């Protein structure tokens, strides 16, 4: 799979996930039913530029998930929160 192929960015959030001092982009891309990718685009400058190739990418089925980032654990590092739609009127964090 080519992670940057045509698809819809279903959800995205910015934070320094790699610890280098630059904001990275965590993006969930939807390629159609049951076909999605979660990827990290590495921030390369303080101006908000990103590498065009993902730093990391995972394929899966995330449905209509939503992403958020922040330091939720208080350890000074970026964390990710995902709200996952499980269908049948149920959801999970």
PDB file of N, CA and C in Angstrom:
ATOM      1  N   UNK A   1       0.838  -1.181   0.000  1.00  0.00           N
ATOM      2  CA  UNK A   1       0.000   0.000   0.000  1.00  0.00           C
ATOM      3  C   UNK A   1       0.882   1.241   0.000  1.00  0.00           C
ATOM      4  N   UNK A   2       0.508   2.230  -0.768  1.00  0.00           N
ATOM      5  CA  UNK A   2       1.163   3.529  -0.737  1.00  0.00           C
ATOM      6  C   UNK A   2       0.376   4.417   0.213  1.00  0.00           C
ATOM      7  N   UNK A   3       0.909   4.725   1.414  1.00  0.00           N
ATOM      8  CA  UNK A   3       0.147   5.456   2.427  1.00  0.00           C
ATOM      9  C   UNK A   3      -0.377   6.815   2.000  1.00  0.00           C
ATOM     10  N   UNK A   4       0.233   7.453   1.005  1.00  0.00           N
ATOM     11  CA  UNK A   4      -0.222   8.775   0.606  1.00  0.00           C
ATOM     12  C   UNK A   4      -1.080   8.750  -0.649  1.00  0.00           C
ATOM     13  N   UNK A   5      -1.629   7.581  -1.008  1.00  0.00           N
ATOM     14  CA  UNK A   5      -2.518   7.515  -2.165  1.00  0.00           C
ATOM     15  C   UNK A   5      -3.779   8.320  -1.887  1.00  0.00           C
ATOM     16  N   UNK A   6      -4.597   8.509  -2.890  1.00  0.00           N
ATOM     17  CA  UNK A   6      -5.801   9.309  -2.744  1.00  0.00           C
ATOM     18  C   UNK A   6      -6.715   8.718  -1.681  1.00  0.00           C
ATOM     19  N   UNK A   7      -7.135   9.548  -0.779  1.00  0.00           N
ATOM     20  CA  UNK A   7      -8.037   9.138   0.293  1.00  0.00           C
ATOM     21  C   UNK A   7      -8.498  10.370   1.033  1.00  0.00           C
ATOM     22  N   UNK A   8      -9.425  10.190   1.920  1.00  0.00           N
ATOM     23  CA  UNK A   8      -9.981  11.297   2.689  1.00  0.00           C
ATOM     24  C   UNK A   8      -9.345  11.291   4.071  1.00  0.00           C
ATOM     25  N   UNK A   9      -8.821  12.437   4.494  1.00  0.00           N
ATOM     26  CA  UNK A   9      -8.299  12.551   5.855  1.00  0.00           C
ATOM     27  C   UNK A   9      -9.492  12.607   6.797  1.00  0.00           C
ATOM     28  N   UNK A  10      -9.771  11.479   7.439  1.00  0.00           N
ATOM     29  CA  UNK A  10     -10.938  11.374   8.304  1.00  0.00           C
ATOM     30  C   UNK A  10     -10.741  12.116   9.620  1.00  0.00           C
ATOM     31  N   UNK A  11      -9.504  12.168  10.098  1.00  0.00           N
ATOM     32  CA  UNK A  11      -9.202  12.862  11.336  1.00  0.00           C
ATOM     33  C   UNK A  11      -7.704  13.116  11.390  1.00  0.00           C
ATOM     34  N   UNK A  12      -7.308  14.198  12.032  1.00  0.00           N
ATOM     35  CA  UNK A  12      -5.884  14.518  12.152  1.00  0.00           C
ATOM     36  C   UNK A  12      -5.655  15.324  13.423  1.00  0.00           C
ATOM     37  N   UNK A  13      -4.426  15.228  13.945  1.00  0.00           N
ATOM     38  CA  UNK A  13      -4.031  16.018  15.108  1.00  0.00           C
ATOM     39  C   UNK A  13      -2.531  16.268  15.032  1.00  0.00           C
ATOM     40  N   UNK A  14      -2.086  17.395  15.593  1.00  0.00           N
ATOM     41  CA  UNK A  14      -0.669  17.775  15.567  1.00  0.00           C
ATOM     42  C   UNK A  14      -0.094  17.769  16.965  1.00  0.00           C
ATOM     43  N   UNK A  15       1.128  17.254  17.077  1.00  0.00           N
ATOM     44  CA  UNK A  15       1.886  17.304  18.320  1.00  0.00           C
ATOM     45  C   UNK A  15       3.290  16.792  18.027  1.00  0.00           C
ATOM     46  N   UNK A  16       4.213  16.939  18.950  1.00  0.00           N
ATOM     47  CA  UNK A  16       5.571  16.433  18.749  1.00  0.00           C
ATOM     48  C   UNK A  16       5.620  14.978  19.199  1.00  0.00           C
ATOM     49  N   UNK A  17       5.226  14.069  18.326  1.00  0.00           N
ATOM     50  CA  UNK A  17       5.179  12.643  18.652  1.00  0.00           C
ATOM     51  C   UNK A  17       6.561  11.995  18.643  1.00  0.00           C
ATOM     52  N   UNK A  18       7.545  12.588  17.948  1.00  0.00           N
ATOM     53  CA  UNK A  18       8.873  11.988  17.833  1.00  0.00           C
ATOM     54  C   UNK A  18       9.892  12.589  18.806  1.00  0.00           C
ATOM     55  N   UNK A  19       9.520  13.635  19.529  1.00  0.00           N
ATOM     56  CA  UNK A  19      10.390  14.219  20.539  1.00  0.00           C
ATOM     57  C   UNK A  19      11.536  15.056  20.016  1.00  0.00           C
ATOM     58  N   UNK A  20      11.435  15.553  18.765  1.00  0.00           N
ATOM     59  CA  UNK A  20      12.520  16.355  18.193  1.00  0.00           C
ATOM     60  C   UNK A  20      12.269  17.856  18.272  1.00  0.00           C
ATOM     61  N   UNK A  21      11.159  18.269  18.888  1.00  0.00           N
ATOM     62  CA  UNK A  21      10.862  19.687  19.035  1.00  0.00           C
ATOM     63  C   UNK A  21       9.998  20.269  17.930  1.00  0.00           C
ATOM     64  N   UNK A  22       9.685  19.489  16.891  1.00  0.00           N
ATOM     65  CA  UNK A  22       8.829  19.953  15.794  1.00  0.00           C
ATOM     66  C   UNK A  22       7.480  19.232  15.837  1.00  0.00           C
ATOM     67  N   UNK A  23       6.409  19.947  15.517  1.00  0.00           N
ATOM     68  CA  UNK A  23       5.078  19.336  15.504  1.00  0.00           C
ATOM     69  C   UNK A  23       4.984  18.340  14.348  1.00  0.00           C
ATOM     70  N   UNK A  24       4.531  17.135  14.645  1.00  0.00           N
ATOM     71  CA  UNK A  24       4.283  16.095  13.650  1.00  0.00           C
ATOM     72  C   UNK A  24       2.783  16.024  13.411  1.00  0.00           C
ATOM     73  N   UNK A  25       2.382  15.368  12.339  1.00  0.00           N
ATOM     74  CA  UNK A  25       0.972  15.242  12.003  1.00  0.00           C
ATOM     75  C   UNK A  25       0.574  13.777  12.067  1.00  0.00           C
ATOM     76  N   UNK A  26      -0.370  13.456  12.941  1.00  0.00           N
ATOM     77  CA  UNK A  26      -0.945  12.120  13.020  1.00  0.00           C
ATOM     78  C   UNK A  26      -2.253  12.179  12.254  1.00  0.00           C
ATOM     79  N   UNK A  27      -2.392  11.336  11.243  1.00  0.00           N
ATOM     80  CA  UNK A  27      -3.546  11.434  10.352  1.00  0.00           C
ATOM     81  C   UNK A  27      -4.163  10.060  10.128  1.00  0.00           C
ATOM     82  N   UNK A  28      -5.475  10.017  10.193  1.00  0.00           N
ATOM     83  CA  UNK A  28      -6.241   8.823   9.855  1.00  0.00           C
ATOM     84  C   UNK A  28      -6.840   9.061   8.486  1.00  0.00           C
ATOM     85  N   UNK A  29      -6.450   8.249   7.501  1.00  0.00           N
ATOM     86  CA  UNK A  29      -6.961   8.407   6.130  1.00  0.00           C
ATOM     87  C   UNK A  29      -7.887   7.265   5.805  1.00  0.00           C
ATOM     88  N   UNK A  30      -9.037   7.601   5.265  1.00  0.00           N
ATOM     89  CA  UNK A  30     -10.053   6.624   4.903  1.00  0.00           C
ATOM     90  C   UNK A  30     -10.007   6.386   3.401  1.00  0.00           C
ATOM     91  N   UNK A  31      -9.786   5.132   2.997  1.00  0.00           N
ATOM     92  CA  UNK A  31      -9.710   4.777   1.579  1.00  0.00           C
ATOM     93  C   UNK A  31     -10.963   4.048   1.091  1.00  0.00           C
ATOM     94  N   UNK A  32     -11.973   3.929   1.927  1.00  0.00           N
ATOM     95  CA  UNK A  32     -13.200   3.231   1.560  1.00  0.00           C
ATOM     96  C   UNK A  32     -13.568   2.245   2.654  1.00  0.00           C
ATOM     97  N   UNK A  33     -14.692   1.565   2.505  1.00  0.00           N
ATOM     98  CA  UNK A  33     -15.163   0.627   3.537  1.00  0.00           C
ATOM     99  C   UNK A  33     -14.104  -0.403   3.929  1.00  0.00           C
ATOM    100  N   UNK A  34     -13.774  -0.430   5.222  1.00  0.00           N
ATOM    101  CA  UNK A  34     -12.830  -1.399   5.747  1.00  0.00           C
ATOM    102  C   UNK A  34     -11.397  -1.203   5.306  1.00  0.00           C
ATOM    103  N   UNK A  35     -11.044  -0.025   4.830  1.00  0.00           N
ATOM    104  CA  UNK A  35      -9.704   0.213   4.309  1.00  0.00           C
ATOM    105  C   UNK A  35      -9.237   1.597   4.750  1.00  0.00           C
ATOM    106  N   UNK A  36      -8.334   1.627   5.726  1.00  0.00           N
ATOM    107  CA  UNK A  36      -7.862   2.902   6.261  1.00  0.00           C
ATOM    108  C   UNK A  36      -6.396   2.786   6.647  1.00  0.00           C
ATOM    109  N   UNK A  37      -5.756   3.911   6.865  1.00  0.00           N
ATOM    110  CA  UNK A  37      -4.370   3.932   7.330  1.00  0.00           C
ATOM    111  C   UNK A  37      -4.205   5.013   8.381  1.00  0.00           C
ATOM    112  N   UNK A  38      -3.478   4.684   9.428  1.00  0.00           N
ATOM    113  CA  UNK A  38      -3.097   5.642  10.457  1.00  0.00           C
ATOM    114  C   UNK A  38      -1.621   5.932  10.224  1.00  0.00           C
ATOM    115  N   UNK A  39      -1.252   7.205  10.066  1.00  0.00           N
ATOM    116  CA  UNK A  39       0.137   7.514   9.740  1.00  0.00           C
ATOM    117  C   UNK A  39       0.635   8.741  10.486  1.00  0.00           C
ATOM    118  N   UNK A  40       1.948   8.789  10.686  1.00  0.00           N
ATOM    119  CA  UNK A  40       2.617   9.932  11.297  1.00  0.00           C
ATOM    120  C   UNK A  40       3.488  10.575  10.230  1.00  0.00           C
ATOM    121  N   UNK A  41       3.233  11.858   9.935  1.00  0.00           N
ATOM    122  CA  UNK A  41       4.090  12.620   9.034  1.00  0.00           C
ATOM    123  C   UNK A  41       5.022  13.450   9.902  1.00  0.00           C
ATOM    124  N   UNK A  42       6.310  13.250   9.737  1.00  0.00           N
ATOM    125  CA  UNK A  42       7.343  13.858  10.559  1.00  0.00           C
ATOM    126  C   UNK A  42       7.472  15.357  10.263  1.00  0.00           C
ATOM    127  N   UNK A  43       7.377  16.186  11.279  1.00  0.00           N
ATOM    128  CA  UNK A  43       7.590  17.624  11.122  1.00  0.00           C
ATOM    129  C   UNK A  43       9.056  17.921  10.885  1.00  0.00           C
ATOM    130  N   UNK A  44       9.353  18.773   9.906  1.00  0.00           N
ATOM    131  CA  UNK A  44      10.745  19.037   9.555  1.00  0.00           C
ATOM    132  C   UNK A  44      11.207  20.441   9.910  1.00  0.00           C
ATOM    133  N   UNK A  45      10.304  21.327  10.253  1.00  0.00           N
ATOM    134  CA  UNK A  45      10.699  22.708  10.550  1.00  0.00           C
ATOM    135  C   UNK A  45       9.659  23.357  11.451  1.00  0.00           C
ATOM    136  N   UNK A  46      10.077  24.408  12.123  1.00  0.00           N
ATOM    137  CA  UNK A  46       9.169  25.142  13.000  1.00  0.00           C
ATOM    138  C   UNK A  46       8.059  25.832  12.213  1.00  0.00           C
ATOM    139  N   UNK A  47       8.178  25.885  10.881  1.00  0.00           N
ATOM    140  CA  UNK A  47       7.171  26.539  10.045  1.00  0.00           C
ATOM    141  C   UNK A  47       5.969  25.653   9.774  1.00  0.00           C
ATOM    142  N   UNK A  48       5.975  24.424  10.270  1.00  0.00           N
ATOM    143  CA  UNK A  48       4.843  23.528  10.063  1.00  0.00           C
ATOM    144  C   UNK A  48       4.953  22.674   8.819  1.00  0.00           C
ATOM    145  N   UNK A  49       6.154  22.512   8.264  1.00  0.00           N
ATOM    146  CA  UNK A  49       6.346  21.659   7.095  1.00  0.00           C
ATOM    147  C   UNK A  49       6.503  20.203   7.532  1.00  0.00           C
ATOM    148  N   UNK A  50       6.105  19.271   6.657  1.00  0.00           N
ATOM    149  CA  UNK A  50       6.168  17.842   6.959  1.00  0.00           C
ATOM    150  C   UNK A  50       6.874  17.096   5.841  1.00  0.00           C
ATOM    151  N   UNK A  51       7.554  15.984   6.204  1.00  0.00           N
ATOM    152  CA  UNK A  51       8.078  15.081   5.189  1.00  0.00           C
ATOM    153  C   UNK A  51       6.905  14.545   4.384  1.00  0.00           C
ATOM    154  N   UNK A  52       7.122  14.264   3.108  1.00  0.00           N
ATOM    155  CA  UNK A  52       6.032  13.743   2.277  1.00  0.00           C
ATOM    156  C   UNK A  52       5.845  12.243   2.460  1.00  0.00           C
ATOM    157  N   UNK A  53       6.863  11.543   2.940  1.00  0.00           N
ATOM    158  CA  UNK A  53       6.729  10.112   3.227  1.00  0.00           C
ATOM    159  C   UNK A  53       6.440   9.945   4.714  1.00  0.00           C
ATOM    160  N   UNK A  54       5.504   9.080   5.071  1.00  0.00           N
ATOM    161  CA  UNK A  54       5.176   8.893   6.489  1.00  0.00           C
ATOM    162  C   UNK A  54       6.352   8.361   7.295  1.00  0.00           C
ATOM    163  N   UNK A  55       6.487   8.840   8.519  1.00  0.00           N
ATOM    164  CA  UNK A  55       7.465   8.333   9.479  1.00  0.00           C
ATOM    165  C   UNK A  55       7.060   6.919   9.893  1.00  0.00           C
ATOM    166  N   UNK A  56       5.771   6.703  10.028  1.00  0.00           N
ATOM    167  CA  UNK A  56       5.208   5.396  10.384  1.00  0.00           C
ATOM    168  C   UNK A  56       3.795   5.330   9.820  1.00  0.00           C
ATOM    169  N   UNK A  57       3.358   4.130   9.449  1.00  0.00           N
ATOM    170  CA  UNK A  57       2.002   3.951   8.917  1.00  0.00           C
ATOM    171  C   UNK A  57       1.493   2.556   9.255  1.00  0.00           C
ATOM    172  N   UNK A  58       0.201   2.477   9.564  1.00  0.00           N
ATOM    173  CA  UNK A  58      -0.440   1.203   9.876  1.00  0.00           C
ATOM    174  C   UNK A  58      -1.751   1.123   9.125  1.00  0.00           C
ATOM    175  N   UNK A  59      -2.028  -0.021   8.502  1.00  0.00           N
ATOM    176  CA  UNK A  59      -3.303  -0.238   7.837  1.00  0.00           C
ATOM    177  C   UNK A  59      -4.278  -0.866   8.825  1.00  0.00           C
ATOM    178  N   UNK A  60      -5.562  -0.657   8.601  1.00  0.00           N
ATOM    179  CA  UNK A  60      -6.558  -1.262   9.470  1.00  0.00           C
ATOM    180  C   UNK A  60      -7.947  -0.784   9.138  1.00  0.00           C
ATOM    181  N   UNK A  61      -8.865  -1.102  10.016  1.00  0.00           N
ATOM    182  CA  UNK A  61     -10.251  -0.664   9.865  1.00  0.00           C
ATOM    183  C   UNK A  61     -10.622   0.128  11.107  1.00  0.00           C
ATOM    184  N   UNK A  62     -10.616   1.440  10.978  1.00  0.00           N
ATOM    185  CA  UNK A  62     -10.916   2.317  12.105  1.00  0.00           C
ATOM    186  C   UNK A  62     -12.284   2.975  11.975  1.00  0.00           C
ATOM    187  N   UNK A  63     -13.053   2.617  10.977  1.00  0.00           N
ATOM    188  CA  UNK A  63     -14.378   3.193  10.819  1.00  0.00           C
ATOM    189  C   UNK A  63     -14.339   4.708  10.840  1.00  0.00           C
ATOM    190  N   UNK A  64     -15.203   5.307  11.610  1.00  0.00           N
ATOM    191  CA  UNK A  64     -15.243   6.765  11.683  1.00  0.00           C
ATOM    192  C   UNK A  64     -14.616   7.238  12.994  1.00  0.00           C
ATOM    193  N   UNK A  65     -13.379   6.828  13.247  1.00  0.00           N
ATOM    194  CA  UNK A  65     -12.649   7.219  14.446  1.00  0.00           C
ATOM    195  C   UNK A  65     -12.261   8.690  14.386  1.00  0.00           C
ATOM    196  N   UNK A  66     -12.063   9.284  15.539  1.00  0.00           N
ATOM    197  CA  UNK A  66     -11.593  10.661  15.659  1.00  0.00           C
ATOM    198  C   UNK A  66     -10.374  10.668  16.564  1.00  0.00           C
ATOM    199  N   UNK A  67      -9.390  11.513  16.252  1.00  0.00           N
ATOM    200  CA  UNK A  67      -8.139  11.576  16.992  1.00  0.00           C
ATOM    201  C   UNK A  67      -8.006  12.889  17.751  1.00  0.00           C
ATOM    202  N   UNK A  68      -7.316  12.839  18.878  1.00  0.00           N
ATOM    203  CA  UNK A  68      -6.953  14.043  19.634  1.00  0.00           C
ATOM    204  C   UNK A  68      -5.585  13.783  20.255  1.00  0.00           C
ATOM    205  N   UNK A  69      -4.830  14.856  20.494  1.00  0.00           N
ATOM    206  CA  UNK A  69      -3.520  14.685  21.123  1.00  0.00           C
ATOM    207  C   UNK A  69      -3.340  15.695  22.241  1.00  0.00           C
ATOM    208  N   UNK A  70      -2.443  15.376  23.146  1.00  0.00           N
ATOM    209  CA  UNK A  70      -2.129  16.226  24.276  1.00  0.00           C
ATOM    210  C   UNK A  70      -1.326  15.417  25.275  1.00  0.00           C
ATOM    211  N   UNK A  71      -0.945  16.021  26.365  1.00  0.00           N
ATOM    212  CA  UNK A  71      -0.238  15.302  27.417  1.00  0.00           C
ATOM    213  C   UNK A  71      -1.272  14.852  28.441  1.00  0.00           C
ATOM    214  N   UNK A  72      -1.946  13.752  28.155  1.00  0.00           N
ATOM    215  CA  UNK A  72      -3.030  13.272  29.009  1.00  0.00           C
ATOM    216  C   UNK A  72      -2.522  12.599  30.280  1.00  0.00           C
ATOM    217  N   UNK A  73      -1.266  12.116  30.268  1.00  0.00           N
ATOM    218  CA  UNK A  73      -0.733  11.390  31.423  1.00  0.00           C
ATOM    219  C   UNK A  73       0.155  12.242  32.319  1.00  0.00           C
ATOM    220  N   UNK A  74       0.461  13.474  31.904  1.00  0.00           N
ATOM    221  CA  UNK A  74       1.257  14.380  32.717  1.00  0.00           C
ATOM    222  C   UNK A  74       2.745  14.077  32.748  1.00  0.00           C
ATOM    223  N   UNK A  75       3.256  13.306  31.774  1.00  0.00           N
ATOM    224  CA  UNK A  75       4.670  12.961  31.756  1.00  0.00           C
ATOM    225  C   UNK A  75       5.506  13.858  30.848  1.00  0.00           C
ATOM    226  N   UNK A  76       4.882  14.899  30.254  1.00  0.00           N
ATOM    227  CA  UNK A  76       5.599  15.807  29.377  1.00  0.00           C
ATOM    228  C   UNK A  76       5.744  15.316  27.950  1.00  0.00           C
ATOM    229  N   UNK A  77       5.145  14.174  27.612  1.00  0.00           N
ATOM    230  CA  UNK A  77       5.221  13.621  26.256  1.00  0.00           C
ATOM    231  C   UNK A  77       3.832  13.609  25.628  1.00  0.00           C
ATOM    232  N   UNK A  78       3.801  13.700  24.296  1.00  0.00           N
ATOM    233  CA  UNK A  78       2.527  13.706  23.574  1.00  0.00           C
ATOM    234  C   UNK A  78       1.854  12.343  23.639  1.00  0.00           C
ATOM    235  N   UNK A  79       0.562  12.364  23.915  1.00  0.00           N
ATOM    236  CA  UNK A  79      -0.261  11.153  23.925  1.00  0.00           C
ATOM    237  C   UNK A  79      -1.333  11.293  22.857  1.00  0.00           C
ATOM    238  N   UNK A  80      -1.946  10.185  22.488  1.00  0.00           N
ATOM    239  CA  UNK A  80      -3.009  10.174  21.482  1.00  0.00           C
ATOM    240  C   UNK A  80      -4.265   9.577  22.102  1.00  0.00           C
ATOM    241  N   UNK A  81      -5.390  10.203  21.822  1.00  0.00           N
ATOM    242  CA  UNK A  81      -6.696   9.707  22.238  1.00  0.00           C
ATOM    243  C   UNK A  81      -7.494   9.455  20.973  1.00  0.00           C
ATOM    244  N   UNK A  82      -8.141   8.304  20.907  1.00  0.00           N
ATOM    245  CA  UNK A  82      -8.967   7.974  19.745  1.00  0.00           C
ATOM    246  C   UNK A  82     -10.365   7.594  20.197  1.00  0.00           C
ATOM    247  N   UNK A  83     -11.350   8.211  19.590  1.00  0.00           N
ATOM    248  CA  UNK A  83     -12.738   7.839  19.790  1.00  0.00           C
ATOM    249  C   UNK A  83     -13.113   6.946  18.617  1.00  0.00           C
ATOM    250  N   UNK A  84     -13.471   5.704  18.908  1.00  0.00           N
ATOM    251  CA  UNK A  84     -13.753   4.715  17.870  1.00  0.00           C
ATOM    252  C   UNK A  84     -15.236   4.405  17.826  1.00  0.00           C
ATOM    253  N   UNK A  85     -15.827   4.543  16.651  1.00  0.00           N
ATOM    254  CA  UNK A  85     -17.223   4.179  16.431  1.00  0.00           C
ATOM    255  C   UNK A  85     -17.272   2.687  16.149  1.00  0.00           C
ATOM    256  N   UNK A  86     -17.875   1.920  17.053  1.00  0.00           N
ATOM    257  CA  UNK A  86     -17.945   0.462  16.894  1.00  0.00           C
ATOM    258  C   UNK A  86     -19.214   0.016  16.200  1.00  0.00           C
ATOM    259  N   UNK A  87     -20.049   0.970  15.803  1.00  0.00           N
ATOM    260  CA  UNK A  87     -21.313   0.624  15.160  1.00  0.00           C
ATOM    261  C   UNK A  87     -22.336   0.215  16.204  1.00  0.00           C
ATOM    262  N   UNK A  88     -23.557  -0.031  15.777  1.00  0.00           N
ATOM    263  CA  UNK A  88     -24.633  -0.442  16.686  1.00  0.00           C
ATOM    264  C   UNK A  88     -24.778   0.474  17.883  1.00  0.00           C
ATOM    265  N   UNK A  89     -24.578   1.774  17.675  1.00  0.00           N
ATOM    266  CA  UNK A  89     -24.748   2.801  18.703  1.00  0.00           C
ATOM    267  C   UNK A  89     -23.793   2.626  19.874  1.00  0.00           C
ATOM    268  N   UNK A  90     -22.572   2.085  19.637  1.00  0.00           N
ATOM    269  CA  UNK A  90     -21.579   1.996  20.707  1.00  0.00           C
ATOM    270  C   UNK A  90     -20.272   2.624  20.241  1.00  0.00           C
ATOM    271  N   UNK A  91     -19.523   3.123  21.212  1.00  0.00           N
ATOM    272  CA  UNK A  91     -18.248   3.773  20.914  1.00  0.00           C
ATOM    273  C   UNK A  91     -17.261   3.432  22.027  1.00  0.00           C
ATOM    274  N   UNK A  92     -15.974   3.663  21.777  1.00  0.00           N
ATOM    275  CA  UNK A  92     -14.942   3.396  22.776  1.00  0.00           C
ATOM    276  C   UNK A  92     -13.861   4.462  22.687  1.00  0.00           C
ATOM    277  N   UNK A  93     -13.227   4.768  23.816  1.00  0.00           N
ATOM    278  CA  UNK A  93     -12.066   5.663  23.856  1.00  0.00           C
ATOM    279  C   UNK A  93     -10.822   4.830  23.992  1.00  0.00           C
TER     280      UNK A  93
END
